[in-house]
C-alpha atoms as a PDB file:
ATOM      1  CA  UNK A   1      91.199 125.349 127.002  1.00  0.00           C
ATOM      2  CA  UNK A   2      91.495 123.820 130.479  1.00  0.00           C
ATOM      3  CA  UNK A   3      90.069 120.300 130.832  1.00  0.00           C
ATOM      4  CA  UNK A   4      87.259 120.225 133.404  1.00  0.00           C
ATOM      5  CA  UNK A   5      88.597 117.080 134.985  1.00  0.00           C
ATOM      6  CA  UNK A   6      91.917 118.814 135.763  1.00  0.00           C
ATOM      7  CA  UNK A   7      90.155 121.889 136.992  1.00  0.00           C
ATOM      8  CA  UNK A   8      88.009 119.671 139.360  1.00  0.00           C
ATOM      9  CA  UNK A   9      91.267 118.115 140.668  1.00  0.00           C
ATOM     10  CA  UNK A  10      92.712 121.614 141.351  1.00  0.00           C
ATOM     11  CA  UNK A  11      89.521 122.669 143.126  1.00  0.00           C
ATOM     12  CA  UNK A  12      89.988 119.702 145.359  1.00  0.00           C
ATOM     13  CA  UNK A  13      93.457 120.813 146.300  1.00  0.00           C
ATOM     14  CA  UNK A  14      95.694 119.049 143.622  1.00  0.00           C
ATOM     15  CA  UNK A  15      98.578 121.528 143.353  1.00  0.00           C
ATOM     16  CA  UNK A  16     100.017 119.806 140.264  1.00  0.00           C
ATOM     17  CA  UNK A  17      96.641 120.104 138.401  1.00  0.00           C
ATOM     18  CA  UNK A  18      96.515 123.825 139.324  1.00  0.00           C
ATOM     19  CA  UNK A  19     100.028 124.338 138.081  1.00  0.00           C
ATOM     20  CA  UNK A  20      99.378 122.468 134.847  1.00  0.00           C
ATOM     21  CA  UNK A  21      96.313 124.620 134.039  1.00  0.00           C
ATOM     22  CA  UNK A  22      98.151 127.908 134.764  1.00  0.00           C
ATOM     23  CA  UNK A  23     101.119 126.673 132.693  1.00  0.00           C
ATOM     24  CA  UNK A  24      98.874 125.781 129.724  1.00  0.00           C
ATOM     25  CA  UNK A  25      97.514 129.376 129.707  1.00  0.00           C
ATOM     26  CA  UNK A  26     100.730 131.315 130.602  1.00  0.00           C
ATOM     27  CA  UNK A  27     101.361 132.849 127.130  1.00  0.00           C
ATOM     28  CA  UNK A  28      97.884 134.252 126.704  1.00  0.00           C
ATOM     29  CA  UNK A  29      97.900 135.588 130.266  1.00  0.00           C
ATOM     30  CA  UNK A  30     101.199 137.299 129.711  1.00  0.00           C
ATOM     31  CA  UNK A  31      99.951 138.946 126.407  1.00  0.00           C
ATOM     32  CA  UNK A  32      96.794 140.160 128.233  1.00  0.00           C
ATOM     33  CA  UNK A  33      98.821 141.612 131.149  1.00  0.00           C
ATOM     34  CA  UNK A  34     101.379 143.180 128.796  1.00  0.00           C
ATOM     35  CA  UNK A  35      98.655 144.818 126.756  1.00  0.00           C
ATOM     36  CA  UNK A  36      97.568 146.667 129.958  1.00  0.00           C
ATOM     37  CA  UNK A  37     100.809 147.301 131.736  1.00  0.00           C
ATOM     38  CA  UNK A  38     103.239 147.754 128.847  1.00  0.00           C
ATOM     39  CA  UNK A  39     106.110 146.356 130.987  1.00  0.00           C
ATOM     40  CA  UNK A  40     107.665 142.891 131.230  1.00  0.00           C
ATOM     41  CA  UNK A  41     108.303 143.019 134.980  1.00  0.00           C
ATOM     42  CA  UNK A  42     104.869 144.490 135.794  1.00  0.00           C
ATOM     43  CA  UNK A  43     103.166 141.899 133.493  1.00  0.00           C
ATOM     44  CA  UNK A  44     105.035 139.064 135.232  1.00  0.00           C
ATOM     45  CA  UNK A  45     104.073 140.387 138.613  1.00  0.00           C
ATOM     46  CA  UNK A  46     100.427 140.621 137.518  1.00  0.00           C
ATOM     47  CA  UNK A  47     100.456 136.977 136.499  1.00  0.00           C
ATOM     48  CA  UNK A  48     102.060 136.070 139.778  1.00  0.00           C
ATOM     49  CA  UNK A  49      99.396 137.958 141.681  1.00  0.00           C
ATOM     50  CA  UNK A  50      96.586 136.530 139.604  1.00  0.00           C
ATOM     51  CA  UNK A  51      98.016 133.020 140.210  1.00  0.00           C
ATOM     52  CA  UNK A  52      98.084 133.667 143.989  1.00  0.00           C
ATOM     53  CA  UNK A  53      94.552 134.943 144.006  1.00  0.00           C
ATOM     54  CA  UNK A  54      93.281 132.133 141.900  1.00  0.00           C
ATOM     55  CA  UNK A  55      95.099 129.492 143.943  1.00  0.00           C
ATOM     56  CA  UNK A  56      93.693 131.020 147.161  1.00  0.00           C
ATOM     57  CA  UNK A  57      90.155 131.170 145.861  1.00  0.00           C
ATOM     58  CA  UNK A  58      89.874 128.238 143.499  1.00  0.00           C
ATOM     59  CA  UNK A  59      87.592 126.435 146.027  1.00  0.00           C
ATOM     60  CA  UNK A  60      84.977 129.188 145.320  1.00  0.00           C
ATOM     61  CA  UNK A  61      84.893 128.455 141.601  1.00  0.00           C
ATOM     62  CA  UNK A  62      81.442 127.056 141.005  1.00  0.00           C
ATOM     63  CA  UNK A  63      81.715 125.878 137.412  1.00  0.00           C
ATOM     64  CA  UNK A  64      85.010 124.369 136.269  1.00  0.00           C
ATOM     65  CA  UNK A  65      84.338 125.103 132.592  1.00  0.00           C
ATOM     66  CA  UNK A  66      84.675 128.785 133.361  1.00  0.00           C
ATOM     67  CA  UNK A  67      88.207 128.501 134.881  1.00  0.00           C
ATOM     68  CA  UNK A  68      89.852 130.243 132.017  1.00  0.00           C
ATOM     69  CA  UNK A  69      87.474 133.155 131.882  1.00  0.00           C
ATOM     70  CA  UNK A  70      87.720 133.357 135.696  1.00  0.00           C
ATOM     71  CA  UNK A  71      91.521 133.688 135.718  1.00  0.00           C
ATOM     72  CA  UNK A  72      91.355 136.259 132.875  1.00  0.00           C
ATOM     73  CA  UNK A  73      88.895 138.340 134.770  1.00  0.00           C
ATOM     74  CA  UNK A  74      91.177 138.214 137.907  1.00  0.00           C
ATOM     75  CA  UNK A  75      94.119 139.236 135.673  1.00  0.00           C
ATOM     76  CA  UNK A  76      92.285 142.140 134.059  1.00  0.00           C
ATOM     77  CA  UNK A  77      91.021 143.402 137.388  1.00  0.00           C
ATOM     78  CA  UNK A  78      94.503 143.368 138.799  1.00  0.00           C
ATOM     79  CA  UNK A  79      95.917 145.164 135.712  1.00  0.00           C
ATOM     80  CA  UNK A  80      93.308 147.911 135.855  1.00  0.00           C
ATOM     81  CA  UNK A  81      93.941 148.407 139.545  1.00  0.00           C
ATOM     82  CA  UNK A  82      97.664 148.548 138.948  1.00  0.00           C
ATOM     83  CA  UNK A  83      97.278 151.030 136.143  1.00  0.00           C
ATOM     84  CA  UNK A  84      95.362 153.295 138.462  1.00  0.00           C
ATOM     85  CA  UNK A  85      98.137 153.019 141.079  1.00  0.00           C
ATOM     86  CA  UNK A  86     101.050 153.633 138.718  1.00  0.00           C
ATOM     87  CA  UNK A  87      99.733 155.834 135.963  1.00  0.00           C
ATOM     88  CA  UNK A  88     102.828 154.996 133.972  1.00  0.00           C
ATOM     89  CA  UNK A  89     103.694 156.252 130.649  1.00  0.00           C
ATOM     90  CA  UNK A  90     104.301 153.956 127.747  1.00  0.00           C
ATOM     91  CA  UNK A  91     107.877 152.828 127.623  1.00  0.00           C
ATOM     92  CA  UNK A  92     109.734 152.626 124.401  1.00  0.00           C
ATOM     93  CA  UNK A  93     112.225 150.053 125.445  1.00  0.00           C
ATOM     94  CA  UNK A  94     111.075 147.146 123.307  1.00  0.00           C
ATOM     95  CA  UNK A  95     112.850 144.646 121.169  1.00  0.00           C
ATOM     96  CA  UNK A  96     113.497 146.245 117.750  1.00  0.00           C
ATOM     97  CA  UNK A  97     114.612 143.235 115.770  1.00  0.00           C
ATOM     98  CA  UNK A  98     112.877 143.126 112.372  1.00  0.00           C
ATOM     99  CA  UNK A  99     110.674 146.175 113.157  1.00  0.00           C
ATOM    100  CA  UNK A 100     110.949 149.252 111.058  1.00  0.00           C
ATOM    101  CA  UNK A 101     110.618 152.811 112.495  1.00  0.00           C
ATOM    102  CA  UNK A 102     107.289 153.216 110.670  1.00  0.00           C
ATOM    103  CA  UNK A 103     106.035 149.896 112.017  1.00  0.00           C
ATOM    104  CA  UNK A 104     107.048 150.935 115.562  1.00  0.00           C
ATOM    105  CA  UNK A 105     105.360 154.355 115.192  1.00  0.00           C
ATOM    106  CA  UNK A 106     102.212 152.638 113.832  1.00  0.00           C
ATOM    107  CA  UNK A 107     102.146 150.136 116.668  1.00  0.00           C
ATOM    108  CA  UNK A 108     102.651 152.872 119.277  1.00  0.00           C
ATOM    109  CA  UNK A 109      99.902 154.958 117.639  1.00  0.00           C
ATOM    110  CA  UNK A 110      97.437 152.131 117.855  1.00  0.00           C
ATOM    111  CA  UNK A 111      98.478 151.189 121.428  1.00  0.00           C
ATOM    112  CA  UNK A 112      98.226 154.849 122.537  1.00  0.00           C
ATOM    113  CA  UNK A 113      94.725 155.051 120.930  1.00  0.00           C
ATOM    114  CA  UNK A 114      93.590 151.855 122.689  1.00  0.00           C
ATOM    115  CA  UNK A 115      94.974 153.177 125.957  1.00  0.00           C
ATOM    116  CA  UNK A 116      92.787 156.340 125.612  1.00  0.00           C
ATOM    117  CA  UNK A 117      89.629 154.246 125.440  1.00  0.00           C
ATOM    118  CA  UNK A 118      87.257 153.869 128.362  1.00  0.00           C
ATOM    119  CA  UNK A 119      88.006 150.677 130.224  1.00  0.00           C
ATOM    120  CA  UNK A 120      84.880 148.944 129.144  1.00  0.00           C
ATOM    121  CA  UNK A 121      85.783 149.519 125.455  1.00  0.00           C
ATOM    122  CA  UNK A 122      89.545 148.812 126.000  1.00  0.00           C
ATOM    123  CA  UNK A 123      88.845 145.448 127.593  1.00  0.00           C
ATOM    124  CA  UNK A 124      86.671 144.292 124.713  1.00  0.00           C
ATOM    125  CA  UNK A 125      89.118 145.657 121.967  1.00  0.00           C
ATOM    126  CA  UNK A 126      92.125 143.921 123.697  1.00  0.00           C
ATOM    127  CA  UNK A 127      90.326 140.582 124.095  1.00  0.00           C
ATOM    128  CA  UNK A 128      88.936 140.608 120.579  1.00  0.00           C
ATOM    129  CA  UNK A 129      91.787 141.875 118.507  1.00  0.00           C
ATOM    130  CA  UNK A 130      94.893 141.263 120.575  1.00  0.00           C
ATOM    131  CA  UNK A 131      93.829 137.882 122.092  1.00  0.00           C
ATOM    132  CA  UNK A 132      91.495 136.765 119.226  1.00  0.00           C
ATOM    133  CA  UNK A 133      88.692 135.708 121.547  1.00  0.00           C
ATOM    134  CA  UNK A 134      85.167 135.260 120.290  1.00  0.00           C
ATOM    135  CA  UNK A 135      82.230 137.529 121.278  1.00  0.00           C
ATOM    136  CA  UNK A 136      80.833 134.685 123.325  1.00  0.00           C
ATOM    137  CA  UNK A 137      84.176 134.133 125.227  1.00  0.00           C
ATOM    138  CA  UNK A 138      84.416 137.859 125.866  1.00  0.00           C
ATOM    139  CA  UNK A 139      80.823 137.921 127.206  1.00  0.00           C
ATOM    140  CA  UNK A 140      81.741 135.075 129.606  1.00  0.00           C
ATOM    141  CA  UNK A 141      84.828 136.948 130.866  1.00  0.00           C
ATOM    142  CA  UNK A 142      83.129 140.313 131.196  1.00  0.00           C
ATOM    143  CA  UNK A 143      79.903 138.732 132.585  1.00  0.00           C
ATOM    144  CA  UNK A 144      77.803 140.734 130.126  1.00  0.00           C
ATOM    145  CA  UNK A 145      75.305 139.750 127.458  1.00  0.00           C
ATOM    146  CA  UNK A 146      76.775 139.198 123.902  1.00  0.00           C
ATOM    147  CA  UNK A 147      74.775 142.166 122.697  1.00  0.00           C
ATOM    148  CA  UNK A 148      76.456 144.432 125.166  1.00  0.00           C
ATOM    149  CA  UNK A 149      79.888 143.204 124.100  1.00  0.00           C
ATOM    150  CA  UNK A 150      78.968 143.881 120.457  1.00  0.00           C
ATOM    151  CA  UNK A 151      77.883 147.391 121.319  1.00  0.00           C
ATOM    152  CA  UNK A 152      81.057 148.060 123.299  1.00  0.00           C
ATOM    153  CA  UNK A 153      83.127 146.690 120.409  1.00  0.00           C
ATOM    154  CA  UNK A 154      81.354 148.913 117.897  1.00  0.00           C
ATOM    155  CA  UNK A 155      81.654 151.974 120.114  1.00  0.00           C
ATOM    156  CA  UNK A 156      85.293 151.187 120.928  1.00  0.00           C
ATOM    157  CA  UNK A 157      86.141 150.918 117.286  1.00  0.00           C
ATOM    158  CA  UNK A 158      84.344 154.112 116.502  1.00  0.00           C
ATOM    159  CA  UNK A 159      86.398 155.791 119.261  1.00  0.00           C
ATOM    160  CA  UNK A 160      89.598 154.287 117.800  1.00  0.00           C
ATOM    161  CA  UNK A 161      88.732 155.644 114.389  1.00  0.00           C
ATOM    162  CA  UNK A 162      88.199 159.064 115.920  1.00  0.00           C
ATOM    163  CA  UNK A 163      91.633 158.892 117.651  1.00  0.00           C
ATOM    164  CA  UNK A 164      93.406 157.474 114.583  1.00  0.00           C
ATOM    165  CA  UNK A 165      91.633 159.505 111.894  1.00  0.00           C
ATOM    166  CA  UNK A 166      88.920 158.211 109.641  1.00  0.00           C
ATOM    167  CA  UNK A 167      91.326 156.137 107.535  1.00  0.00           C
ATOM    168  CA  UNK A 168      93.254 154.719 110.563  1.00  0.00           C
ATOM    169  CA  UNK A 169      93.949 151.021 110.270  1.00  0.00           C
ATOM    170  CA  UNK A 170      93.995 148.539 113.078  1.00  0.00           C
END
Protein backbone atom coordinates (compact mmCIF):
# COMPACT_ATOMS: atom_id res chain seq x y z
CA UNK A 1 0.00 0.00 0.00
CA UNK A 2 1.38 3.41 -0.96
CA UNK A 3 2.51 5.58 1.89
CA UNK A 4 0.47 8.78 1.97
CA UNK A 5 3.57 10.91 2.51
CA UNK A 6 5.14 9.57 -0.69
CA UNK A 7 1.89 10.12 -2.59
CA UNK A 8 1.75 13.70 -1.32
CA UNK A 9 5.29 14.24 -2.63
CA UNK A 10 4.26 12.81 -6.01
CA UNK A 11 1.23 15.11 -6.13
CA UNK A 12 3.58 18.05 -5.54
CA UNK A 13 5.68 17.00 -8.54
CA UNK A 14 8.33 14.69 -7.07
CA UNK A 15 9.06 12.33 -9.99
CA UNK A 16 11.06 9.89 -7.87
CA UNK A 17 8.17 9.53 -5.42
CA UNK A 18 5.78 8.84 -8.29
CA UNK A 19 8.15 6.25 -9.77
CA UNK A 20 8.55 4.62 -6.37
CA UNK A 21 4.80 4.17 -5.91
CA UNK A 22 4.27 2.77 -9.40
CA UNK A 23 7.27 0.46 -8.96
CA UNK A 24 5.89 -0.86 -5.65
CA UNK A 25 2.60 -1.81 -7.34
CA UNK A 26 3.90 -3.02 -10.72
CA UNK A 27 3.33 -6.75 -10.20
CA UNK A 28 -0.30 -6.36 -9.15
CA UNK A 29 -0.93 -3.89 -11.98
CA UNK A 30 0.55 -6.35 -14.47
CA UNK A 31 -1.62 -9.21 -13.19
CA UNK A 32 -4.74 -7.06 -13.48
CA UNK A 33 -3.86 -5.92 -17.00
CA UNK A 34 -3.01 -9.48 -18.06
CA UNK A 35 -6.29 -10.82 -16.68
CA UNK A 36 -8.10 -8.50 -19.10
CA UNK A 37 -5.83 -8.45 -22.15
CA UNK A 38 -4.35 -11.98 -22.04
CA UNK A 39 -1.16 -10.79 -23.72
CA UNK A 40 2.19 -9.70 -22.29
CA UNK A 41 2.81 -6.88 -24.76
CA UNK A 42 -0.71 -5.46 -24.48
CA UNK A 43 -0.54 -5.70 -20.68
CA UNK A 44 2.76 -3.84 -20.55
CA UNK A 45 1.37 -1.20 -22.89
CA UNK A 46 -1.69 -0.86 -20.63
CA UNK A 47 0.58 -0.26 -17.63
CA UNK A 48 2.57 2.28 -19.60
CA UNK A 49 -0.60 4.12 -20.61
CA UNK A 50 -1.97 3.98 -17.06
CA UNK A 51 1.32 5.37 -15.76
CA UNK A 52 1.21 8.22 -18.26
CA UNK A 53 -2.41 9.06 -17.41
CA UNK A 54 -1.75 8.90 -13.67
CA UNK A 55 1.39 11.03 -13.97
CA UNK A 56 -0.43 13.60 -16.06
CA UNK A 57 -3.41 13.79 -13.68
CA UNK A 58 -1.91 13.12 -10.25
CA UNK A 59 -2.42 16.74 -9.23
CA UNK A 60 -6.18 16.08 -9.48
CA UNK A 61 -6.04 13.27 -6.89
CA UNK A 62 -7.88 14.65 -3.86
CA UNK A 63 -7.17 11.97 -1.28
CA UNK A 64 -3.66 10.43 -1.29
CA UNK A 65 -4.86 7.34 0.61
CA UNK A 66 -6.85 6.32 -2.50
CA UNK A 67 -3.88 6.43 -4.88
CA UNK A 68 -3.75 2.67 -5.36
CA UNK A 69 -7.47 2.33 -6.05
CA UNK A 70 -7.23 5.34 -8.39
CA UNK A 71 -4.48 3.79 -10.53
CA UNK A 72 -6.22 0.41 -10.61
CA UNK A 73 -9.41 2.12 -11.84
CA UNK A 74 -7.41 3.92 -14.56
CA UNK A 75 -5.87 0.60 -15.58
CA UNK A 76 -9.19 -1.27 -15.67
CA UNK A 77 -10.81 1.50 -17.73
CA UNK A 78 -7.95 1.39 -20.23
CA UNK A 79 -8.07 -2.43 -20.46
CA UNK A 80 -11.83 -2.45 -21.05
CA UNK A 81 -11.47 0.20 -23.76
CA UNK A 82 -8.62 -1.77 -25.35
CA UNK A 83 -10.70 -4.96 -25.32
CA UNK A 84 -13.48 -3.16 -27.14
CA UNK A 85 -11.00 -1.93 -29.76
CA UNK A 86 -9.23 -5.20 -30.30
CA UNK A 87 -11.77 -7.95 -29.70
CA UNK A 88 -8.89 -10.38 -29.63
CA UNK A 89 -9.27 -14.08 -29.05
CA UNK A 90 -7.50 -15.77 -26.17
CA UNK A 91 -3.96 -16.75 -27.16
CA UNK A 92 -2.63 -20.11 -26.19
CA UNK A 93 1.05 -19.10 -26.24
CA UNK A 94 1.78 -19.31 -22.54
CA UNK A 95 4.57 -20.81 -20.57
CA UNK A 96 3.95 -24.51 -20.13
CA UNK A 97 6.59 -25.37 -17.53
CA UNK A 98 5.11 -27.57 -14.84
CA UNK A 99 1.56 -27.25 -16.15
CA UNK A 100 -0.24 -30.40 -17.26
CA UNK A 101 -2.66 -30.45 -20.18
CA UNK A 102 -5.62 -30.91 -17.85
CA UNK A 103 -4.48 -27.93 -15.73
CA UNK A 104 -4.13 -25.83 -18.88
CA UNK A 105 -7.59 -26.83 -20.10
CA UNK A 106 -9.14 -26.11 -16.69
CA UNK A 107 -7.43 -22.70 -16.51
CA UNK A 108 -8.54 -21.80 -20.04
CA UNK A 109 -12.07 -22.96 -19.25
CA UNK A 110 -12.27 -20.75 -16.16
CA UNK A 111 -10.69 -17.80 -17.99
CA UNK A 112 -13.10 -18.22 -20.89
CA UNK A 113 -16.04 -18.31 -18.49
CA UNK A 114 -14.80 -15.17 -16.69
CA UNK A 115 -14.37 -13.44 -20.07
CA UNK A 116 -18.04 -14.16 -20.88
CA UNK A 117 -19.25 -12.30 -17.80
CA UNK A 118 -20.73 -8.82 -18.01
CA UNK A 119 -17.99 -6.26 -17.26
CA UNK A 120 -19.46 -5.27 -13.89
CA UNK A 121 -19.31 -8.91 -12.75
CA UNK A 122 -15.95 -9.65 -14.38
CA UNK A 123 -14.30 -6.68 -12.67
CA UNK A 124 -15.43 -7.86 -9.24
CA UNK A 125 -14.47 -11.53 -9.86
CA UNK A 126 -11.00 -10.57 -11.17
CA UNK A 127 -10.28 -8.22 -8.27
CA UNK A 128 -11.62 -10.62 -5.63
CA UNK A 129 -10.26 -13.98 -6.81
CA UNK A 130 -7.35 -13.14 -9.07
CA UNK A 131 -6.01 -10.19 -7.05
CA UNK A 132 -7.27 -11.24 -3.60
CA UNK A 133 -8.68 -7.81 -2.74
CA UNK A 134 -11.27 -7.36 -0.02
CA UNK A 135 -14.87 -6.32 -0.64
CA UNK A 136 -14.05 -2.95 0.89
CA UNK A 137 -11.05 -2.40 -1.42
CA UNK A 138 -13.11 -3.42 -4.46
CA UNK A 139 -15.87 -1.02 -3.40
CA UNK A 140 -13.31 1.80 -3.26
CA UNK A 141 -11.93 0.93 -6.71
CA UNK A 142 -15.34 0.53 -8.32
CA UNK A 143 -16.80 3.53 -6.45
CA UNK A 144 -19.82 1.46 -5.39
CA UNK A 145 -21.29 0.53 -2.00
CA UNK A 146 -20.04 -2.73 -0.49
CA UNK A 147 -23.53 -4.20 -0.79
CA UNK A 148 -23.46 -3.63 -4.55
CA UNK A 149 -20.07 -5.36 -4.77
CA UNK A 150 -21.40 -8.34 -2.78
CA UNK A 151 -24.41 -8.57 -5.11
CA UNK A 152 -22.21 -8.40 -8.22
CA UNK A 153 -19.91 -11.02 -6.75
CA UNK A 154 -22.83 -13.33 -6.01
CA UNK A 155 -24.37 -12.86 -9.45
CA UNK A 156 -21.00 -13.20 -11.15
CA UNK A 157 -20.33 -16.47 -9.35
CA UNK A 158 -23.82 -17.71 -10.29
CA UNK A 159 -23.08 -16.91 -13.93
CA UNK A 160 -19.75 -18.71 -13.70
CA UNK A 161 -21.50 -21.77 -12.29
CA UNK A 162 -23.86 -21.66 -15.24
CA UNK A 163 -20.98 -21.43 -17.74
CA UNK A 164 -18.90 -24.10 -15.99
CA UNK A 165 -21.71 -26.44 -15.00
CA UNK A 166 -23.15 -26.83 -11.53
CA UNK A 167 -20.07 -28.67 -10.22
CA UNK A 168 -17.56 -26.29 -11.86
CA UNK A 169 -14.75 -25.33 -9.53
CA UNK A 170 -12.97 -22.03 -9.42
